């Protein structure tokens, strides 16, 4: 078993806000619930506040998702605890999974930089500027006309970094990613794969991976078959891990499943019930590096910038 098991990106909060209820003990209509977290030995879930492009009143939607998180955290019998710093992980009770809150799509801020402080007080520590489309901060990979970040986008990055956040470049267009790399801030891609292994607009090419390597970034490899390509199996997943490792280093690749935000997963991995199998396959193919990919790499990375 790994010391830490971490998933850098899940969309479970969106489903909780939409459908209500909780995650204990099981939630058959979700891909994440407390029973599956326990079976997979999950230490930490990076739970996204996801706002779809064009969502009416995105700030109110953001607060609604935070409220759903808080209700889960405060409900008796729900084995989840909101965390804001890596030191809190060692203090979690046995069987309790930590939840680190992230923003997926900066439209939730509605252009108001002061809202970063509000989110900081509520435990957010990672900012993703865009989703698939363009917004006032930058361009998503599906709306790429070759421009970089807007001036407001750069301001948001600087202010978030000042608060001690990391910037998530998953979904951001290539020029935007390069500009974030050049700003000297902490960055990562929570749920992105290798474009060298599989050509897809959501995947990251080698030039960008080299720039991210220079910044000390980490990448969480996604379990969604369209991003994996090929047979979309655990073996395909490991191909992405291996290629990204060859550029970033063996301690810079993580897991970012995208569970509860995807319709299906790679063959051989249903959800956290198959974490032991994924661990075994990684250990056999990566010479004992499965422990890092499935959790320890991210905890070391987080510890390097957390305030």
C-alpha atoms as a PDB file:
ATOM      1  CA  UNK A   1       0.000   0.000   0.000  1.00  0.00           C
ATOM      2  CA  UNK A   2       1.096   3.557  -0.615  1.00  0.00           C
ATOM      3  CA  UNK A   3       1.702   6.021   2.193  1.00  0.00           C
ATOM      4  CA  UNK A   4      -0.615   8.501   0.451  1.00  0.00           C
ATOM      5  CA  UNK A   5      -3.199   7.971  -2.246  1.00  0.00           C
ATOM      6  CA  UNK A   6      -4.221  11.161  -3.967  1.00  0.00           C
ATOM      7  CA  UNK A   7      -6.472  12.088  -6.885  1.00  0.00           C
ATOM      8  CA  UNK A   8      -5.710  15.552  -8.276  1.00  0.00           C
ATOM      9  CA  UNK A   9      -9.124  16.082  -9.881  1.00  0.00           C
ATOM     10  CA  UNK A  10     -12.687  14.925  -9.265  1.00  0.00           C
ATOM     11  CA  UNK A  11     -15.979  16.668 -10.101  1.00  0.00           C
ATOM     12  CA  UNK A  12     -18.061  15.176  -7.308  1.00  0.00           C
ATOM     13  CA  UNK A  13     -19.059  18.526  -5.796  1.00  0.00           C
ATOM     14  CA  UNK A  14     -20.979  19.409  -8.949  1.00  0.00           C
ATOM     15  CA  UNK A  15     -23.067  16.252  -8.629  1.00  0.00           C
ATOM     16  CA  UNK A  16     -23.647  16.863  -4.927  1.00  0.00           C
ATOM     17  CA  UNK A  17     -24.905  20.377  -5.607  1.00  0.00           C
ATOM     18  CA  UNK A  18     -27.154  19.091  -8.385  1.00  0.00           C
ATOM     19  CA  UNK A  19     -28.516  15.916  -6.816  1.00  0.00           C
ATOM     20  CA  UNK A  20     -28.225  16.503  -3.090  1.00  0.00           C
ATOM     21  CA  UNK A  21     -27.532  13.897  -0.457  1.00  0.00           C
ATOM     22  CA  UNK A  22     -24.135  12.658   0.652  1.00  0.00           C
ATOM     23  CA  UNK A  23     -21.442  10.120  -0.185  1.00  0.00           C
ATOM     24  CA  UNK A  24     -21.783   7.647   2.691  1.00  0.00           C
ATOM     25  CA  UNK A  25     -21.820   4.759   2.611  1.00  0.00           C
ATOM     26  CA  UNK A  26     -22.397   4.317  -1.124  1.00  0.00           C
ATOM     27  CA  UNK A  27     -23.621   6.441  -3.996  1.00  0.00           C
ATOM     28  CA  UNK A  28     -24.382   4.239  -7.027  1.00  0.00           C
ATOM     29  CA  UNK A  29     -25.126   7.251  -9.246  1.00  0.00           C
ATOM     30  CA  UNK A  30     -21.648   8.698  -8.587  1.00  0.00           C
ATOM     31  CA  UNK A  31     -18.153   7.414  -9.388  1.00  0.00           C
ATOM     32  CA  UNK A  32     -16.877   8.561  -5.967  1.00  0.00           C
ATOM     33  CA  UNK A  33     -18.353   7.638  -2.585  1.00  0.00           C
ATOM     34  CA  UNK A  34     -17.070   6.858   0.887  1.00  0.00           C
ATOM     35  CA  UNK A  35     -17.085   3.081   0.440  1.00  0.00           C
ATOM     36  CA  UNK A  36     -14.978   3.291  -2.710  1.00  0.00           C
ATOM     37  CA  UNK A  37     -12.606   5.793  -1.075  1.00  0.00           C
ATOM     38  CA  UNK A  38     -12.143   3.373   1.805  1.00  0.00           C
ATOM     39  CA  UNK A  39     -11.563   0.407  -0.494  1.00  0.00           C
ATOM     40  CA  UNK A  40      -9.016   2.382  -2.496  1.00  0.00           C
ATOM     41  CA  UNK A  41      -7.295   3.794   0.575  1.00  0.00           C
ATOM     42  CA  UNK A  42      -7.721   7.369  -0.628  1.00  0.00           C
ATOM     43  CA  UNK A  43      -5.902   9.958   1.473  1.00  0.00           C
ATOM     44  CA  UNK A  44      -6.775  13.095  -0.472  1.00  0.00           C
ATOM     45  CA  UNK A  45      -9.192  14.169  -3.199  1.00  0.00           C
ATOM     46  CA  UNK A  46      -8.725  17.465  -5.036  1.00  0.00           C
ATOM     47  CA  UNK A  47     -12.386  18.414  -5.322  1.00  0.00           C
ATOM     48  CA  UNK A  48     -13.126  20.883  -8.092  1.00  0.00           C
ATOM     49  CA  UNK A  49     -15.496  23.813  -7.955  1.00  0.00           C
ATOM     50  CA  UNK A  50     -16.427  23.418 -11.622  1.00  0.00           C
ATOM     51  CA  UNK A  51     -18.348  26.108 -13.493  1.00  0.00           C
ATOM     52  CA  UNK A  52     -19.462  25.332 -17.026  1.00  0.00           C
ATOM     53  CA  UNK A  53     -18.831  27.980 -19.679  1.00  0.00           C
ATOM     54  CA  UNK A  54     -21.860  30.244 -19.989  1.00  0.00           C
ATOM     55  CA  UNK A  55     -23.255  29.293 -16.574  1.00  0.00           C
ATOM     56  CA  UNK A  56     -25.613  32.014 -15.303  1.00  0.00           C
ATOM     57  CA  UNK A  57     -24.520  33.715 -12.078  1.00  0.00           C
ATOM     58  CA  UNK A  58     -21.244  31.772 -11.828  1.00  0.00           C
ATOM     59  CA  UNK A  59     -20.187  33.266  -8.484  1.00  0.00           C
ATOM     60  CA  UNK A  60     -23.422  32.128  -6.845  1.00  0.00           C
ATOM     61  CA  UNK A  61     -22.882  28.702  -8.409  1.00  0.00           C
ATOM     62  CA  UNK A  62     -19.368  28.602  -6.941  1.00  0.00           C
ATOM     63  CA  UNK A  63     -20.688  29.380  -3.476  1.00  0.00           C
ATOM     64  CA  UNK A  64     -23.373  26.715  -3.864  1.00  0.00           C
ATOM     65  CA  UNK A  65     -20.721  24.081  -4.547  1.00  0.00           C
ATOM     66  CA  UNK A  66     -18.699  25.224  -1.555  1.00  0.00           C
ATOM     67  CA  UNK A  67     -21.821  24.925   0.570  1.00  0.00           C
ATOM     68  CA  UNK A  68     -22.302  21.353  -0.710  1.00  0.00           C
ATOM     69  CA  UNK A  69     -18.722  20.581   0.305  1.00  0.00           C
ATOM     70  CA  UNK A  70     -19.262  22.060   3.762  1.00  0.00           C
ATOM     71  CA  UNK A  71     -22.461  20.114   4.326  1.00  0.00           C
ATOM     72  CA  UNK A  72     -20.597  16.924   3.444  1.00  0.00           C
ATOM     73  CA  UNK A  73     -17.753  17.859   5.780  1.00  0.00           C
ATOM     74  CA  UNK A  74     -20.105  18.670   8.648  1.00  0.00           C
ATOM     75  CA  UNK A  75     -22.519  15.743   8.262  1.00  0.00           C
ATOM     76  CA  UNK A  76     -22.285  12.942  10.796  1.00  0.00           C
ATOM     77  CA  UNK A  77     -21.126   9.672   9.247  1.00  0.00           C
ATOM     78  CA  UNK A  78     -19.417  11.288   6.238  1.00  0.00           C
ATOM     79  CA  UNK A  79     -15.712  10.293   6.389  1.00  0.00           C
ATOM     80  CA  UNK A  80     -14.380  13.413   4.642  1.00  0.00           C
ATOM     81  CA  UNK A  81     -12.543  16.432   5.999  1.00  0.00           C
ATOM     82  CA  UNK A  82     -11.655  19.689   4.252  1.00  0.00           C
ATOM     83  CA  UNK A  83      -7.887  20.303   4.340  1.00  0.00           C
ATOM     84  CA  UNK A  84      -5.885  23.391   3.405  1.00  0.00           C
ATOM     85  CA  UNK A  85      -2.291  22.329   4.124  1.00  0.00           C
ATOM     86  CA  UNK A  86      -0.358  19.062   3.622  1.00  0.00           C
ATOM     87  CA  UNK A  87       0.527  18.890   7.308  1.00  0.00           C
ATOM     88  CA  UNK A  88      -3.148  18.204   8.005  1.00  0.00           C
ATOM     89  CA  UNK A  89      -3.030  14.860   6.177  1.00  0.00           C
ATOM     90  CA  UNK A  90      -1.068  13.082   8.888  1.00  0.00           C
ATOM     91  CA  UNK A  91      -3.627  14.193  11.452  1.00  0.00           C
ATOM     92  CA  UNK A  92      -6.686  12.820   9.674  1.00  0.00           C
ATOM     93  CA  UNK A  93      -8.462  10.067  11.613  1.00  0.00           C
ATOM     94  CA  UNK A  94      -8.179   6.540  10.286  1.00  0.00           C
ATOM     95  CA  UNK A  95     -10.574   6.060   7.371  1.00  0.00           C
ATOM     96  CA  UNK A  96     -11.133   9.782   6.743  1.00  0.00           C
ATOM     97  CA  UNK A  97     -10.294  11.210   3.310  1.00  0.00           C
ATOM     98  CA  UNK A  98      -9.062  14.776   2.973  1.00  0.00           C
ATOM     99  CA  UNK A  99     -10.607  17.173   0.461  1.00  0.00           C
ATOM    100  CA  UNK A 100      -8.465  19.948  -1.057  1.00  0.00           C
ATOM    101  CA  UNK A 101     -10.628  22.453  -2.928  1.00  0.00           C
ATOM    102  CA  UNK A 102      -9.747  23.724  -6.410  1.00  0.00           C
ATOM    103  CA  UNK A 103     -11.335  26.091  -8.920  1.00  0.00           C
ATOM    104  CA  UNK A 104     -12.027  24.797 -12.432  1.00  0.00           C
ATOM    105  CA  UNK A 105     -12.909  27.783 -14.603  1.00  0.00           C
ATOM    106  CA  UNK A 106     -12.137  31.293 -13.418  1.00  0.00           C
ATOM    107  CA  UNK A 107     -15.436  32.662 -14.697  1.00  0.00           C
ATOM    108  CA  UNK A 108     -16.637  31.831 -11.186  1.00  0.00           C
ATOM    109  CA  UNK A 109     -14.801  34.969 -10.026  1.00  0.00           C
ATOM    110  CA  UNK A 110     -16.788  37.191 -12.409  1.00  0.00           C
ATOM    111  CA  UNK A 111     -13.667  39.313 -12.934  1.00  0.00           C
ATOM    112  CA  UNK A 112     -13.461  40.332  -9.273  1.00  0.00           C
ATOM    113  CA  UNK A 113      -9.924  39.801  -7.920  1.00  0.00           C
ATOM    114  CA  UNK A 114     -11.076  40.399  -4.333  1.00  0.00           C
ATOM    115  CA  UNK A 115     -13.048  37.162  -4.450  1.00  0.00           C
ATOM    116  CA  UNK A 116      -9.787  35.206  -4.355  1.00  0.00           C
ATOM    117  CA  UNK A 117      -9.432  36.180  -0.707  1.00  0.00           C
ATOM    118  CA  UNK A 118     -12.981  34.991   0.022  1.00  0.00           C
ATOM    119  CA  UNK A 119     -12.208  31.646  -1.590  1.00  0.00           C
ATOM    120  CA  UNK A 120      -8.909  31.443   0.250  1.00  0.00           C
ATOM    121  CA  UNK A 121     -10.725  31.810   3.561  1.00  0.00           C
ATOM    122  CA  UNK A 122     -12.982  28.955   2.484  1.00  0.00           C
ATOM    123  CA  UNK A 123     -10.052  26.659   1.784  1.00  0.00           C
ATOM    124  CA  UNK A 124      -9.416  26.946  -1.956  1.00  0.00           C
ATOM    125  CA  UNK A 125      -5.731  26.524  -2.868  1.00  0.00           C
ATOM    126  CA  UNK A 126      -5.598  25.825  -6.632  1.00  0.00           C
ATOM    127  CA  UNK A 127      -6.898  28.031  -9.469  1.00  0.00           C
ATOM    128  CA  UNK A 128      -7.751  26.833 -12.961  1.00  0.00           C
ATOM    129  CA  UNK A 129      -8.305  29.909 -15.127  1.00  0.00           C
ATOM    130  CA  UNK A 130     -10.493  28.421 -17.849  1.00  0.00           C
ATOM    131  CA  UNK A 131     -12.501  25.410 -18.919  1.00  0.00           C
ATOM    132  CA  UNK A 132     -12.855  24.532 -22.607  1.00  0.00           C
ATOM    133  CA  UNK A 133     -13.953  27.961 -23.837  1.00  0.00           C
ATOM    134  CA  UNK A 134     -12.542  31.464 -23.603  1.00  0.00           C
ATOM    135  CA  UNK A 135     -13.327  33.864 -20.784  1.00  0.00           C
ATOM    136  CA  UNK A 136     -12.093  37.230 -19.526  1.00  0.00           C
ATOM    137  CA  UNK A 137      -8.915  35.596 -18.133  1.00  0.00           C
ATOM    138  CA  UNK A 138      -7.712  33.542 -21.083  1.00  0.00           C
ATOM    139  CA  UNK A 139      -8.531  30.908 -23.666  1.00  0.00           C
ATOM    140  CA  UNK A 140      -9.463  27.282 -23.182  1.00  0.00           C
ATOM    141  CA  UNK A 141      -7.998  24.659 -25.473  1.00  0.00           C
ATOM    142  CA  UNK A 142     -11.262  24.363 -27.431  1.00  0.00           C
ATOM    143  CA  UNK A 143     -11.411  28.120 -28.109  1.00  0.00           C
ATOM    144  CA  UNK A 144      -7.773  28.748 -28.980  1.00  0.00           C
ATOM    145  CA  UNK A 145      -7.018  31.594 -31.381  1.00  0.00           C
ATOM    146  CA  UNK A 146      -3.379  31.759 -30.298  1.00  0.00           C
ATOM    147  CA  UNK A 147      -3.645  34.504 -27.701  1.00  0.00           C
ATOM    148  CA  UNK A 148      -2.222  34.275 -24.199  1.00  0.00           C
ATOM    149  CA  UNK A 149      -3.670  35.443 -20.916  1.00  0.00           C
ATOM    150  CA  UNK A 150      -5.520  38.708 -20.670  1.00  0.00           C
ATOM    151  CA  UNK A 151      -4.173  41.406 -18.361  1.00  0.00           C
ATOM    152  CA  UNK A 152      -6.912  40.456 -15.913  1.00  0.00           C
ATOM    153  CA  UNK A 153      -5.863  36.833 -16.210  1.00  0.00           C
ATOM    154  CA  UNK A 154      -2.264  37.721 -15.365  1.00  0.00           C
ATOM    155  CA  UNK A 155      -3.463  39.752 -12.402  1.00  0.00           C
ATOM    156  CA  UNK A 156      -5.525  36.810 -11.145  1.00  0.00           C
ATOM    157  CA  UNK A 157      -2.470  34.537 -11.439  1.00  0.00           C
ATOM    158  CA  UNK A 158      -0.260  36.965  -9.517  1.00  0.00           C
ATOM    159  CA  UNK A 159      -2.829  37.535  -6.785  1.00  0.00           C
ATOM    160  CA  UNK A 160      -3.559  33.814  -6.395  1.00  0.00           C
ATOM    161  CA  UNK A 161       0.166  33.075  -6.192  1.00  0.00           C
ATOM    162  CA  UNK A 162       0.532  35.785  -3.544  1.00  0.00           C
ATOM    163  CA  UNK A 163      -2.077  33.986  -1.458  1.00  0.00           C
ATOM    164  CA  UNK A 164      -0.058  30.789  -1.753  1.00  0.00           C
ATOM    165  CA  UNK A 165      -2.094  29.035  -4.437  1.00  0.00           C
ATOM    166  CA  UNK A 166      -0.930  26.926  -7.365  1.00  0.00           C
ATOM    167  CA  UNK A 167      -2.192  27.572 -10.905  1.00  0.00           C
ATOM    168  CA  UNK A 168      -3.819  24.673 -12.758  1.00  0.00           C
ATOM    169  CA  UNK A 169      -3.101  24.761 -16.511  1.00  0.00           C
ATOM    170  CA  UNK A 170      -5.352  21.844 -17.479  1.00  0.00           C
ATOM    171  CA  UNK A 171      -7.773  23.136 -20.149  1.00  0.00           C
ATOM    172  CA  UNK A 172      -5.664  26.271 -20.798  1.00  0.00           C
ATOM    173  CA  UNK A 173      -4.489  26.888 -24.384  1.00  0.00           C
ATOM    174  CA  UNK A 174      -0.755  26.454 -25.190  1.00  0.00           C
ATOM    175  CA  UNK A 175       0.135  30.156 -25.251  1.00  0.00           C
ATOM    176  CA  UNK A 176      -1.618  30.614 -21.939  1.00  0.00           C
ATOM    177  CA  UNK A 177       0.290  27.706 -20.423  1.00  0.00           C
ATOM    178  CA  UNK A 178       3.593  29.148 -21.644  1.00  0.00           C
ATOM    179  CA  UNK A 179       2.769  32.547 -20.145  1.00  0.00           C
ATOM    180  CA  UNK A 180       1.971  30.993 -16.776  1.00  0.00           C
ATOM    181  CA  UNK A 181       5.306  29.166 -16.953  1.00  0.00           C
ATOM    182  CA  UNK A 182       7.054  32.480 -17.582  1.00  0.00           C
ATOM    183  CA  UNK A 183       5.426  34.182 -14.583  1.00  0.00           C
ATOM    184  CA  UNK A 184       7.466  32.286 -12.001  1.00  0.00           C
ATOM    185  CA  UNK A 185       4.459  30.928 -10.099  1.00  0.00           C
ATOM    186  CA  UNK A 186       3.704  27.436  -8.827  1.00  0.00           C
ATOM    187  CA  UNK A 187       1.790  25.489 -11.458  1.00  0.00           C
ATOM    188  CA  UNK A 188       0.491  22.044 -12.239  1.00  0.00           C
ATOM    189  CA  UNK A 189      -1.864  20.255 -14.599  1.00  0.00           C
ATOM    190  CA  UNK A 190      -4.337  18.383 -12.432  1.00  0.00           C
ATOM    191  CA  UNK A 191      -5.874  16.177 -15.146  1.00  0.00           C
ATOM    192  CA  UNK A 192      -4.028  16.230 -18.477  1.00  0.00           C
ATOM    193  CA  UNK A 193      -2.219  13.658 -20.610  1.00  0.00           C
ATOM    194  CA  UNK A 194       0.589  13.535 -23.182  1.00  0.00           C
ATOM    195  CA  UNK A 195      -0.074  14.768 -26.713  1.00  0.00           C
ATOM    196  CA  UNK A 196       2.982  12.787 -27.902  1.00  0.00           C
ATOM    197  CA  UNK A 197       1.295   9.543 -26.831  1.00  0.00           C
ATOM    198  CA  UNK A 198      -2.140  10.574 -28.112  1.00  0.00           C
ATOM    199  CA  UNK A 199      -2.990  13.593 -30.226  1.00  0.00           C
ATOM    200  CA  UNK A 200      -5.851  15.376 -28.484  1.00  0.00           C
ATOM    201  CA  UNK A 201      -6.457  19.078 -27.933  1.00  0.00           C
ATOM    202  CA  UNK A 202      -6.738  18.495 -24.162  1.00  0.00           C
ATOM    203  CA  UNK A 203      -3.325  16.859 -23.963  1.00  0.00           C
ATOM    204  CA  UNK A 204       0.013  18.632 -23.411  1.00  0.00           C
ATOM    205  CA  UNK A 205       2.759  18.613 -26.036  1.00  0.00           C
ATOM    206  CA  UNK A 206       6.419  18.035 -25.263  1.00  0.00           C
ATOM    207  CA  UNK A 207       7.475  21.685 -25.654  1.00  0.00           C
ATOM    208  CA  UNK A 208       5.011  22.701 -22.952  1.00  0.00           C
ATOM    209  CA  UNK A 209       6.001  19.758 -20.764  1.00  0.00           C
ATOM    210  CA  UNK A 210       9.635  20.893 -20.972  1.00  0.00           C
ATOM    211  CA  UNK A 211       8.614  24.411 -19.942  1.00  0.00           C
ATOM    212  CA  UNK A 212       6.592  22.954 -17.067  1.00  0.00           C
ATOM    213  CA  UNK A 213       9.560  20.791 -16.063  1.00  0.00           C
ATOM    214  CA  UNK A 214      11.672  23.937 -15.749  1.00  0.00           C
ATOM    215  CA  UNK A 215       9.030  25.273 -13.340  1.00  0.00           C
ATOM    216  CA  UNK A 216       8.987  22.129 -11.192  1.00  0.00           C
ATOM    217  CA  UNK A 217       5.380  21.364 -12.111  1.00  0.00           C
ATOM    218  CA  UNK A 218       3.519  18.091 -11.706  1.00  0.00           C
ATOM    219  CA  UNK A 219       0.961  16.497 -14.037  1.00  0.00           C
ATOM    220  CA  UNK A 220      -2.003  14.347 -13.004  1.00  0.00           C
ATOM    221  CA  UNK A 221      -2.716  11.745 -15.694  1.00  0.00           C
ATOM    222  CA  UNK A 222      -6.385  11.476 -16.653  1.00  0.00           C
ATOM    223  CA  UNK A 223      -8.379   8.212 -16.839  1.00  0.00           C
ATOM    224  CA  UNK A 224     -10.800   9.359 -19.589  1.00  0.00           C
ATOM    225  CA  UNK A 225     -10.466   7.125 -22.694  1.00  0.00           C
ATOM    226  CA  UNK A 226     -10.672   9.939 -25.312  1.00  0.00           C
ATOM    227  CA  UNK A 227      -7.615  11.563 -23.704  1.00  0.00           C
ATOM    228  CA  UNK A 228      -5.728   8.279 -23.393  1.00  0.00           C
ATOM    229  CA  UNK A 229      -6.281   7.033 -26.944  1.00  0.00           C
ATOM    230  CA  UNK A 230      -5.378   3.577 -28.191  1.00  0.00           C
ATOM    231  CA  UNK A 231      -6.978   0.760 -26.246  1.00  0.00           C
ATOM    232  CA  UNK A 232      -7.569   3.117 -23.295  1.00  0.00           C
ATOM    233  CA  UNK A 233      -6.438   0.542 -20.767  1.00  0.00           C
ATOM    234  CA  UNK A 234      -4.205   0.689 -17.709  1.00  0.00           C
ATOM    235  CA  UNK A 235      -1.347  -0.074 -20.095  1.00  0.00           C
ATOM    236  CA  UNK A 236      -2.256   3.017 -22.126  1.00  0.00           C
ATOM    237  CA  UNK A 237      -2.380   5.064 -18.931  1.00  0.00           C
ATOM    238  CA  UNK A 238       1.120   3.854 -18.077  1.00  0.00           C
ATOM    239  CA  UNK A 239       2.349   4.922 -21.530  1.00  0.00           C
ATOM    240  CA  UNK A 240       1.291   8.481 -20.695  1.00  0.00           C
ATOM    241  CA  UNK A 241       2.901   8.226 -17.256  1.00  0.00           C
ATOM    242  CA  UNK A 242       6.145   6.956 -18.764  1.00  0.00           C
ATOM    243  CA  UNK A 243       6.373   9.656 -21.411  1.00  0.00           C
ATOM    244  CA  UNK A 244       5.598  12.499 -19.021  1.00  0.00           C
ATOM    245  CA  UNK A 245       8.128  11.060 -16.569  1.00  0.00           C
ATOM    246  CA  UNK A 246      10.773  11.130 -19.297  1.00  0.00           C
ATOM    247  CA  UNK A 247      10.432  14.926 -19.436  1.00  0.00           C
ATOM    248  CA  UNK A 248       9.335  16.021 -15.960  1.00  0.00           C
ATOM    249  CA  UNK A 249      11.065  13.325 -13.930  1.00  0.00           C
ATOM    250  CA  UNK A 250       9.818  10.296 -12.030  1.00  0.00           C
ATOM    251  CA  UNK A 251       8.729  12.358  -9.014  1.00  0.00           C
ATOM    252  CA  UNK A 252       6.502  14.730 -11.011  1.00  0.00           C
ATOM    253  CA  UNK A 253       3.727  12.479 -12.348  1.00  0.00           C
ATOM    254  CA  UNK A 254       0.486  11.933 -10.434  1.00  0.00           C
ATOM    255  CA  UNK A 255      -3.076  10.646 -10.790  1.00  0.00           C
ATOM    256  CA  UNK A 256      -5.885  12.989 -11.893  1.00  0.00           C
ATOM    257  CA  UNK A 257      -8.789  10.719 -12.783  1.00  0.00           C
ATOM    258  CA  UNK A 258     -11.552  13.268 -13.559  1.00  0.00           C
ATOM    259  CA  UNK A 259     -14.065  10.964 -11.838  1.00  0.00           C
ATOM    260  CA  UNK A 260     -17.640  12.224 -11.680  1.00  0.00           C
ATOM    261  CA  UNK A 261     -16.775  14.493 -14.586  1.00  0.00           C
ATOM    262  CA  UNK A 262     -16.370  11.726 -17.167  1.00  0.00           C
ATOM    263  CA  UNK A 263     -18.804   9.226 -18.614  1.00  0.00           C
ATOM    264  CA  UNK A 264     -16.431   6.244 -18.567  1.00  0.00           C
ATOM    265  CA  UNK A 265     -12.958   5.226 -17.440  1.00  0.00           C
ATOM    266  CA  UNK A 266     -10.092   3.242 -18.920  1.00  0.00           C
ATOM    267  CA  UNK A 267     -10.444  -0.529 -19.210  1.00  0.00           C
ATOM    268  CA  UNK A 268      -9.320  -2.248 -16.021  1.00  0.00           C
ATOM    269  CA  UNK A 269     -10.020   0.760 -13.785  1.00  0.00           C
ATOM    270  CA  UNK A 270     -13.605   1.287 -12.715  1.00  0.00           C
ATOM    271  CA  UNK A 271     -12.853   3.779  -9.916  1.00  0.00           C
ATOM    272  CA  UNK A 272     -11.052   3.641  -6.568  1.00  0.00           C
ATOM    273  CA  UNK A 273     -12.038  -0.007  -6.142  1.00  0.00           C
ATOM    274  CA  UNK A 274      -9.218  -0.754  -8.592  1.00  0.00           C
ATOM    275  CA  UNK A 275      -6.484   1.335  -6.969  1.00  0.00           C
ATOM    276  CA  UNK A 276      -4.613  -1.753  -5.775  1.00  0.00           C
ATOM    277  CA  UNK A 277      -4.597  -3.130  -9.320  1.00  0.00           C
ATOM    278  CA  UNK A 278      -3.405   0.203 -10.715  1.00  0.00           C
ATOM    279  CA  UNK A 279      -0.717   0.308  -8.035  1.00  0.00           C
ATOM    280  CA  UNK A 280       0.432  -3.204  -8.915  1.00  0.00           C
ATOM    281  CA  UNK A 281       0.602  -2.435 -12.641  1.00  0.00           C
ATOM    282  CA  UNK A 282       2.558   0.756 -12.011  1.00  0.00           C
ATOM    283  CA  UNK A 283       4.956  -1.012  -9.660  1.00  0.00           C
ATOM    284  CA  UNK A 284       5.656  -3.753 -12.183  1.00  0.00           C
ATOM    285  CA  UNK A 285       6.100  -1.443 -15.156  1.00  0.00           C
ATOM    286  CA  UNK A 286       7.745   1.542 -13.503  1.00  0.00           C
ATOM    287  CA  UNK A 287      10.237  -0.237 -11.216  1.00  0.00           C
ATOM    288  CA  UNK A 288       8.506   0.561  -7.958  1.00  0.00           C
ATOM    289  CA  UNK A 289       7.303   4.065  -8.858  1.00  0.00           C
ATOM    290  CA  UNK A 290       3.620   3.409  -8.282  1.00  0.00           C
ATOM    291  CA  UNK A 291       3.799   4.785  -4.742  1.00  0.00           C
ATOM    292  CA  UNK A 292       4.846   8.173  -6.096  1.00  0.00           C
ATOM    293  CA  UNK A 293       2.363   8.354  -8.954  1.00  0.00           C
ATOM    294  CA  UNK A 294      -0.593   7.406  -6.790  1.00  0.00           C
ATOM    295  CA  UNK A 295       0.047   9.928  -4.063  1.00  0.00           C
ATOM    296  CA  UNK A 296       3.453  10.663  -2.621  1.00  0.00           C
ATOM    297  CA  UNK A 297       4.593  12.776  -5.576  1.00  0.00           C
ATOM    298  CA  UNK A 298       1.758  15.234  -5.085  1.00  0.00           C
ATOM    299  CA  UNK A 299       2.164  15.439  -1.306  1.00  0.00           C
ATOM    300  CA  UNK A 300       5.863  16.302  -1.735  1.00  0.00           C
ATOM    301  CA  UNK A 301       4.967  18.856  -4.399  1.00  0.00           C
ATOM    302  CA  UNK A 302       2.228  20.426  -2.256  1.00  0.00           C
ATOM    303  CA  UNK A 303       4.586  20.604   0.717  1.00  0.00           C
ATOM    304  CA  UNK A 304       7.049  22.607  -1.392  1.00  0.00           C
ATOM    305  CA  UNK A 305       4.678  25.574  -1.883  1.00  0.00           C
ATOM    306  CA  UNK A 306       1.983  25.395   0.781  1.00  0.00           C
ATOM    307  CA  UNK A 307       1.816  28.353   3.153  1.00  0.00           C
END
